[in-house]
Amino acid sequence: MLNWILSQFKRQSAEDLVRARELVKAAERGGAHVNLAKARELARALGIDMEAHASADTVVRAIRRYLSHHGEL
């Protein structure tokens, strides 16, 4: 049972990392506007502390730093 619970956390984390990479790539292309609410939600899911009124650019930079720091970018 414990292994199943742990596998669910790992899978969620992997899905969050994929979403984070896609968000950063979209922001780098500049063609797509970043949905601020979804970006903040993703940052929270990754465990990144953000100010409540952080801009989309600030959130994307924080997610990019997180990915770079964890070797996922």
PDB file of N, CA and C in Angstrom:
ATOM      1  N   MET A   1       0.825  -1.190   0.000  1.00  0.00           N
ATOM      2  CA  MET A   1       0.000   0.000   0.000  1.00  0.00           C
ATOM      3  C   MET A   1       0.875   1.263   0.000  1.00  0.00           C
ATOM      4  N   LEU A   2       1.898   1.251   0.855  1.00  0.00           N
ATOM      5  CA  LEU A   2       2.780   2.417   0.932  1.00  0.00           C
ATOM      6  C   LEU A   2       3.497   2.653  -0.397  1.00  0.00           C
ATOM      7  N   ASN A   3       3.916   1.602  -1.067  1.00  0.00           N
ATOM      8  CA  ASN A   3       4.580   1.748  -2.366  1.00  0.00           C
ATOM      9  C   ASN A   3       3.642   2.384  -3.386  1.00  0.00           C
ATOM     10  N   TRP A   4       2.366   2.024  -3.352  1.00  0.00           N
ATOM     11  CA  TRP A   4       1.404   2.606  -4.284  1.00  0.00           C
ATOM     12  C   TRP A   4       1.257   4.098  -4.025  1.00  0.00           C
ATOM     13  N   ILE A   5       1.158   4.474  -2.743  1.00  0.00           N
ATOM     14  CA  ILE A   5       1.027   5.888  -2.390  1.00  0.00           C
ATOM     15  C   ILE A   5       2.254   6.662  -2.853  1.00  0.00           C
ATOM     16  N   LEU A   6       3.435   6.130  -2.607  1.00  0.00           N
ATOM     17  CA  LEU A   6       4.660   6.799  -3.034  1.00  0.00           C
ATOM     18  C   LEU A   6       4.742   6.909  -4.551  1.00  0.00           C
ATOM     19  N   SER A   7       4.274   5.889  -5.263  1.00  0.00           N
ATOM     20  CA  SER A   7       4.301   5.946  -6.729  1.00  0.00           C
ATOM     21  C   SER A   7       3.374   7.036  -7.251  1.00  0.00           C
ATOM     22  N   GLN A   8       2.281   7.303  -6.557  1.00  0.00           N
ATOM     23  CA  GLN A   8       1.373   8.366  -6.971  1.00  0.00           C
ATOM     24  C   GLN A   8       2.034   9.732  -6.837  1.00  0.00           C
ATOM     25  N   PHE A   9       2.805   9.922  -5.770  1.00  0.00           N
ATOM     26  CA  PHE A   9       3.520  11.179  -5.600  1.00  0.00           C
ATOM     27  C   PHE A   9       4.581  11.352  -6.679  1.00  0.00           C
ATOM     28  N   LYS A  10       5.290  10.295  -7.002  1.00  0.00           N
ATOM     29  CA  LYS A  10       6.325  10.376  -8.034  1.00  0.00           C
ATOM     30  C   LYS A  10       5.720  10.682  -9.389  1.00  0.00           C
ATOM     31  N   ARG A  11       4.586  10.062  -9.701  1.00  0.00           N
ATOM     32  CA  ARG A  11       3.951  10.295 -10.989  1.00  0.00           C
ATOM     33  C   ARG A  11       3.470  11.738 -11.092  1.00  0.00           C
ATOM     34  N   GLN A  12       2.879  12.234 -10.024  1.00  0.00           N
ATOM     35  CA  GLN A  12       2.414  13.617 -10.021  1.00  0.00           C
ATOM     36  C   GLN A  12       3.588  14.561 -10.223  1.00  0.00           C
ATOM     37  N   SER A  13       4.682  14.273  -9.564  1.00  0.00           N
ATOM     38  CA  SER A  13       5.862  15.102  -9.698  1.00  0.00           C
ATOM     39  C   SER A  13       6.380  15.088 -11.136  1.00  0.00           C
ATOM     40  N   ALA A  14       6.392  13.922 -11.770  1.00  0.00           N
ATOM     41  CA  ALA A  14       6.856  13.820 -13.150  1.00  0.00           C
ATOM     42  C   ALA A  14       5.936  14.607 -14.078  1.00  0.00           C
ATOM     43  N   GLU A  15       4.641  14.533 -13.837  1.00  0.00           N
ATOM     44  CA  GLU A  15       3.693  15.294 -14.654  1.00  0.00           C
ATOM     45  C   GLU A  15       3.889  16.790 -14.463  1.00  0.00           C
ATOM     46  N   ASP A  16       4.158  17.206 -13.232  1.00  0.00           N
ATOM     47  CA  ASP A  16       4.410  18.621 -12.954  1.00  0.00           C
ATOM     48  C   ASP A  16       5.678  19.094 -13.649  1.00  0.00           C
ATOM     49  N   LEU A  17       6.705  18.256 -13.682  1.00  0.00           N
ATOM     50  CA  LEU A  17       7.947  18.630 -14.357  1.00  0.00           C
ATOM     51  C   LEU A  17       7.731  18.800 -15.858  1.00  0.00           C
ATOM     52  N   VAL A  18       6.930  17.923 -16.438  1.00  0.00           N
ATOM     53  CA  VAL A  18       6.625  18.037 -17.870  1.00  0.00           C
ATOM     54  C   VAL A  18       5.870  19.336 -18.128  1.00  0.00           C
ATOM     55  N   ARG A  19       4.873  19.610 -17.303  1.00  0.00           N
ATOM     56  CA  ARG A  19       4.110  20.862 -17.458  1.00  0.00           C
ATOM     57  C   ARG A  19       5.003  22.081 -17.293  1.00  0.00           C
ATOM     58  N   ALA A  20       5.936  22.003 -16.351  1.00  0.00           N
ATOM     59  CA  ALA A  20       6.844  23.124 -16.110  1.00  0.00           C
ATOM     60  C   ALA A  20       7.746  23.366 -17.316  1.00  0.00           C
ATOM     61  N   ARG A  21       8.284  22.285 -17.883  1.00  0.00           N
ATOM     62  CA  ARG A  21       9.138  22.441 -19.075  1.00  0.00           C
ATOM     63  C   ARG A  21       8.348  23.042 -20.231  1.00  0.00           C
ATOM     64  N   GLU A  22       7.120  22.598 -20.413  1.00  0.00           N
ATOM     65  CA  GLU A  22       6.288  23.133 -21.493  1.00  0.00           C
ATOM     66  C   GLU A  22       5.984  24.611 -21.274  1.00  0.00           C
ATOM     67  N   LEU A  23       5.723  24.988 -20.027  1.00  0.00           N
ATOM     68  CA  LEU A  23       5.433  26.383 -19.712  1.00  0.00           C
ATOM     69  C   LEU A  23       6.634  27.264 -20.009  1.00  0.00           C
ATOM     70  N   VAL A  24       7.817  26.823 -19.600  1.00  0.00           N
ATOM     71  CA  VAL A  24       9.034  27.606 -19.828  1.00  0.00           C
ATOM     72  C   VAL A  24       9.311  27.727 -21.328  1.00  0.00           C
ATOM     73  N   LYS A  25       9.147  26.635 -22.069  1.00  0.00           N
ATOM     74  CA  LYS A  25       9.370  26.687 -23.518  1.00  0.00           C
ATOM     75  C   LYS A  25       8.392  27.636 -24.194  1.00  0.00           C
ATOM     76  N   ALA A  26       7.137  27.606 -23.775  1.00  0.00           N
ATOM     77  CA  ALA A  26       6.131  28.504 -24.352  1.00  0.00           C
ATOM     78  C   ALA A  26       6.475  29.957 -24.044  1.00  0.00           C
ATOM     79  N   ALA A  27       6.935  30.217 -22.839  1.00  0.00           N
ATOM     80  CA  ALA A  27       7.310  31.582 -22.468  1.00  0.00           C
ATOM     81  C   ALA A  27       8.525  32.045 -23.259  1.00  0.00           C
ATOM     82  N   GLU A  28       9.474  31.142 -23.520  1.00  0.00           N
ATOM     83  CA  GLU A  28      10.670  31.501 -24.289  1.00  0.00           C
ATOM     84  C   GLU A  28      10.325  31.808 -25.740  1.00  0.00           C
ATOM     85  N   ARG A  29       9.366  31.074 -26.290  1.00  0.00           N
ATOM     86  CA  ARG A  29       8.944  31.333 -27.667  1.00  0.00           C
ATOM     87  C   ARG A  29       8.265  32.684 -27.780  1.00  0.00           C
ATOM     88  N   GLY A  30       7.604  33.089 -26.706  1.00  0.00           N
ATOM     89  CA  GLY A  30       6.958  34.391 -26.691  1.00  0.00           C
ATOM     90  C   GLY A  30       5.650  34.437 -27.442  1.00  0.00           C
ATOM     91  N   GLY A  31       5.321  33.401 -28.151  1.00  0.00           N
ATOM     92  CA  GLY A  31       4.085  33.395 -28.919  1.00  0.00           C
ATOM     93  C   GLY A  31       2.856  33.172 -28.068  1.00  0.00           C
ATOM     94  N   ALA A  32       3.022  32.458 -26.988  1.00  0.00           N
ATOM     95  CA  ALA A  32       1.877  32.140 -26.138  1.00  0.00           C
ATOM     96  C   ALA A  32       1.937  32.970 -24.861  1.00  0.00           C
ATOM     97  N   HIS A  33       0.791  33.498 -24.485  1.00  0.00           N
ATOM     98  CA  HIS A  33       0.720  34.211 -23.219  1.00  0.00           C
ATOM     99  C   HIS A  33       0.605  33.194 -22.097  1.00  0.00           C
ATOM    100  N   VAL A  34       1.303  33.444 -21.032  1.00  0.00           N
ATOM    101  CA  VAL A  34       1.308  32.528 -19.894  1.00  0.00           C
ATOM    102  C   VAL A  34       0.076  32.802 -19.045  1.00  0.00           C
ATOM    103  N   ASN A  35      -0.664  31.744 -18.747  1.00  0.00           N
ATOM    104  CA  ASN A  35      -1.804  31.853 -17.854  1.00  0.00           C
ATOM    105  C   ASN A  35      -1.250  31.960 -16.441  1.00  0.00           C
ATOM    106  N   LEU A  36      -1.397  33.128 -15.836  1.00  0.00           N
ATOM    107  CA  LEU A  36      -0.790  33.404 -14.541  1.00  0.00           C
ATOM    108  C   LEU A  36      -1.314  32.476 -13.453  1.00  0.00           C
ATOM    109  N   ALA A  37      -2.595  32.209 -13.441  1.00  0.00           N
ATOM    110  CA  ALA A  37      -3.168  31.333 -12.413  1.00  0.00           C
ATOM    111  C   ALA A  37      -2.597  29.920 -12.519  1.00  0.00           C
ATOM    112  N   LYS A  38      -2.484  29.405 -13.750  1.00  0.00           N
ATOM    113  CA  LYS A  38      -1.930  28.059 -13.929  1.00  0.00           C
ATOM    114  C   LYS A  38      -0.451  28.026 -13.600  1.00  0.00           C
ATOM    115  N   ALA A  39       0.263  29.094 -13.925  1.00  0.00           N
ATOM    116  CA  ALA A  39       1.694  29.153 -13.611  1.00  0.00           C
ATOM    117  C   ALA A  39       1.913  29.164 -12.103  1.00  0.00           C
ATOM    118  N   ARG A  40       1.103  29.927 -11.390  1.00  0.00           N
ATOM    119  CA  ARG A  40       1.222  29.963  -9.926  1.00  0.00           C
ATOM    120  C   ARG A  40       0.866  28.612  -9.322  1.00  0.00           C
ATOM    121  N   GLU A  41      -0.167  27.977  -9.847  1.00  0.00           N
ATOM    122  CA  GLU A  41      -0.569  26.647  -9.366  1.00  0.00           C
ATOM    123  C   GLU A  41       0.559  25.639  -9.571  1.00  0.00           C
ATOM    124  N   LEU A  42       1.191  25.703 -10.729  1.00  0.00           N
ATOM    125  CA  LEU A  42       2.299  24.806 -11.027  1.00  0.00           C
ATOM    126  C   LEU A  42       3.481  25.072 -10.096  1.00  0.00           C
ATOM    127  N   ALA A  43       3.768  26.337  -9.855  1.00  0.00           N
ATOM    128  CA  ALA A  43       4.858  26.683  -8.935  1.00  0.00           C
ATOM    129  C   ALA A  43       4.579  26.123  -7.544  1.00  0.00           C
ATOM    130  N   ARG A  44       3.348  26.250  -7.085  1.00  0.00           N
ATOM    131  CA  ARG A  44       2.989  25.690  -5.774  1.00  0.00           C
ATOM    132  C   ARG A  44       3.142  24.175  -5.765  1.00  0.00           C
ATOM    133  N   ALA A  45       2.738  23.527  -6.871  1.00  0.00           N
ATOM    134  CA  ALA A  45       2.856  22.066  -6.950  1.00  0.00           C
ATOM    135  C   ALA A  45       4.310  21.620  -6.886  1.00  0.00           C
ATOM    136  N   LEU A  46       5.209  22.448  -7.403  1.00  0.00           N
ATOM    137  CA  LEU A  46       6.637  22.132  -7.374  1.00  0.00           C
ATOM    138  C   LEU A  46       7.277  22.515  -6.045  1.00  0.00           C
ATOM    139  N   GLY A  47       6.522  23.204  -5.198  1.00  0.00           N
ATOM    140  CA  GLY A  47       7.048  23.605  -3.898  1.00  0.00           C
ATOM    141  C   GLY A  47       7.791  24.919  -3.928  1.00  0.00           C
ATOM    142  N   ILE A  48       7.547  25.735  -4.932  1.00  0.00           N
ATOM    143  CA  ILE A  48       8.208  27.032  -5.058  1.00  0.00           C
ATOM    144  C   ILE A  48       7.362  28.067  -4.321  1.00  0.00           C
ATOM    145  N   ASP A  49       7.979  28.805  -3.405  1.00  0.00           N
ATOM    146  CA  ASP A  49       7.277  29.865  -2.686  1.00  0.00           C
ATOM    147  C   ASP A  49       7.242  31.109  -3.555  1.00  0.00           C
ATOM    148  N   MET A  50       6.037  31.594  -3.800  1.00  0.00           N
ATOM    149  CA  MET A  50       5.858  32.792  -4.623  1.00  0.00           C
ATOM    150  C   MET A  50       5.026  33.807  -3.856  1.00  0.00           C
ATOM    151  N   GLU A  51       5.275  35.078  -4.123  1.00  0.00           N
ATOM    152  CA  GLU A  51       4.434  36.128  -3.560  1.00  0.00           C
ATOM    153  C   GLU A  51       3.060  36.042  -4.207  1.00  0.00           C
ATOM    154  N   ALA A  52       2.045  36.471  -3.499  1.00  0.00           N
ATOM    155  CA  ALA A  52       0.674  36.382  -4.008  1.00  0.00           C
ATOM    156  C   ALA A  52       0.467  37.232  -5.257  1.00  0.00           C
ATOM    157  N   HIS A  53       1.215  38.304  -5.376  1.00  0.00           N
ATOM    158  CA  HIS A  53       1.033  39.208  -6.512  1.00  0.00           C
ATOM    159  C   HIS A  53       2.200  39.166  -7.491  1.00  0.00           C
ATOM    160  N   ALA A  54       2.893  38.051  -7.549  1.00  0.00           N
ATOM    161  CA  ALA A  54       4.034  37.922  -8.463  1.00  0.00           C
ATOM    162  C   ALA A  54       3.545  37.945  -9.909  1.00  0.00           C
ATOM    163  N   SER A  55       4.314  38.573 -10.765  1.00  0.00           N
ATOM    164  CA  SER A  55       3.948  38.650 -12.179  1.00  0.00           C
ATOM    165  C   SER A  55       4.235  37.323 -12.872  1.00  0.00           C
ATOM    166  N   ALA A  56       3.694  37.180 -14.067  1.00  0.00           N
ATOM    167  CA  ALA A  56       3.906  35.954 -14.847  1.00  0.00           C
ATOM    168  C   ALA A  56       5.389  35.757 -15.128  1.00  0.00           C
ATOM    169  N   ASP A  57       6.100  36.836 -15.454  1.00  0.00           N
ATOM    170  CA  ASP A  57       7.537  36.729 -15.725  1.00  0.00           C
ATOM    171  C   ASP A  57       8.301  36.234 -14.497  1.00  0.00           C
ATOM    172  N   THR A  58       7.928  36.725 -13.332  1.00  0.00           N
ATOM    173  CA  THR A  58       8.582  36.307 -12.094  1.00  0.00           C
ATOM    174  C   THR A  58       8.341  34.832 -11.824  1.00  0.00           C
ATOM    175  N   VAL A  59       7.118  34.386 -12.045  1.00  0.00           N
ATOM    176  CA  VAL A  59       6.773  32.978 -11.814  1.00  0.00           C
ATOM    177  C   VAL A  59       7.527  32.083 -12.788  1.00  0.00           C
ATOM    178  N   VAL A  60       7.564  32.478 -14.055  1.00  0.00           N
ATOM    179  CA  VAL A  60       8.266  31.679 -15.069  1.00  0.00           C
ATOM    180  C   VAL A  60       9.756  31.613 -14.750  1.00  0.00           C
ATOM    181  N   ARG A  61      10.346  32.733 -14.335  1.00  0.00           N
ATOM    182  CA  ARG A  61      11.770  32.722 -13.967  1.00  0.00           C
ATOM    183  C   ARG A  61      12.024  31.800 -12.778  1.00  0.00           C
ATOM    184  N   ALA A  62      11.128  31.803 -11.807  1.00  0.00           N
ATOM    185  CA  ALA A  62      11.284  30.929 -10.639  1.00  0.00           C
ATOM    186  C   ALA A  62      11.181  29.458 -11.052  1.00  0.00           C
ATOM    187  N   ILE A  63      10.260  29.147 -11.940  1.00  0.00           N
ATOM    188  CA  ILE A  63      10.114  27.770 -12.419  1.00  0.00           C
ATOM    189  C   ILE A  63      11.337  27.375 -13.229  1.00  0.00           C
ATOM    190  N   ARG A  64      11.860  28.271 -14.052  1.00  0.00           N
ATOM    191  CA  ARG A  64      13.067  28.000 -14.832  1.00  0.00           C
ATOM    192  C   ARG A  64      14.256  27.724 -13.913  1.00  0.00           C
ATOM    193  N   ARG A  65      14.402  28.536 -12.850  1.00  0.00           N
ATOM    194  CA  ARG A  65      15.483  28.307 -11.871  1.00  0.00           C
ATOM    195  C   ARG A  65      15.320  26.954 -11.195  1.00  0.00           C
ATOM    196  N   TYR A  66      14.094  26.612 -10.836  1.00  0.00           N
ATOM    197  CA  TYR A  66      13.829  25.317 -10.201  1.00  0.00           C
ATOM    198  C   TYR A  66      14.258  24.180 -11.122  1.00  0.00           C
ATOM    199  N   LEU A  67      13.855  24.251 -12.392  1.00  0.00           N
ATOM    200  CA  LEU A  67      14.198  23.206 -13.346  1.00  0.00           C
ATOM    201  C   LEU A  67      15.707  23.137 -13.560  1.00  0.00           C
ATOM    202  N   SER A  68      16.364  24.272 -13.666  1.00  0.00           N
ATOM    203  CA  SER A  68      17.816  24.289 -13.852  1.00  0.00           C
ATOM    204  C   SER A  68      18.519  23.706 -12.636  1.00  0.00           C
ATOM    205  N   HIS A  69      18.058  24.079 -11.467  1.00  0.00           N
ATOM    206  CA  HIS A  69      18.677  23.600 -10.224  1.00  0.00           C
ATOM    207  C   HIS A  69      18.534  22.090 -10.062  1.00  0.00           C
ATOM    208  N   HIS A  70      17.419  21.544 -10.532  1.00  0.00           N
ATOM    209  CA  HIS A  70      17.168  20.113 -10.395  1.00  0.00           C
ATOM    210  C   HIS A  70      17.566  19.322 -11.642  1.00  0.00           C
ATOM    211  N   GLY A  71      18.220  19.989 -12.591  1.00  0.00           N
ATOM    212  CA  GLY A  71      18.718  19.295 -13.783  1.00  0.00           C
ATOM    213  C   GLY A  71      17.617  18.802 -14.697  1.00  0.00           C
ATOM    214  N   GLU A  72      16.494  19.504 -14.711  1.00  0.00           N
ATOM    215  CA  GLU A  72      15.353  19.050 -15.498  1.00  0.00           C
ATOM    216  C   GLU A  72      15.093  19.928 -16.725  1.00  0.00           C
ATOM    217  N   LEU A  73      15.881  20.968 -16.902  1.00  0.00           N
ATOM    218  CA  LEU A  73      15.631  21.871 -18.027  1.00  0.00           C
ATOM    219  C   LEU A  73      16.408  21.471 -19.246  1.00  0.00           C
TER     220      LEU A  73
END
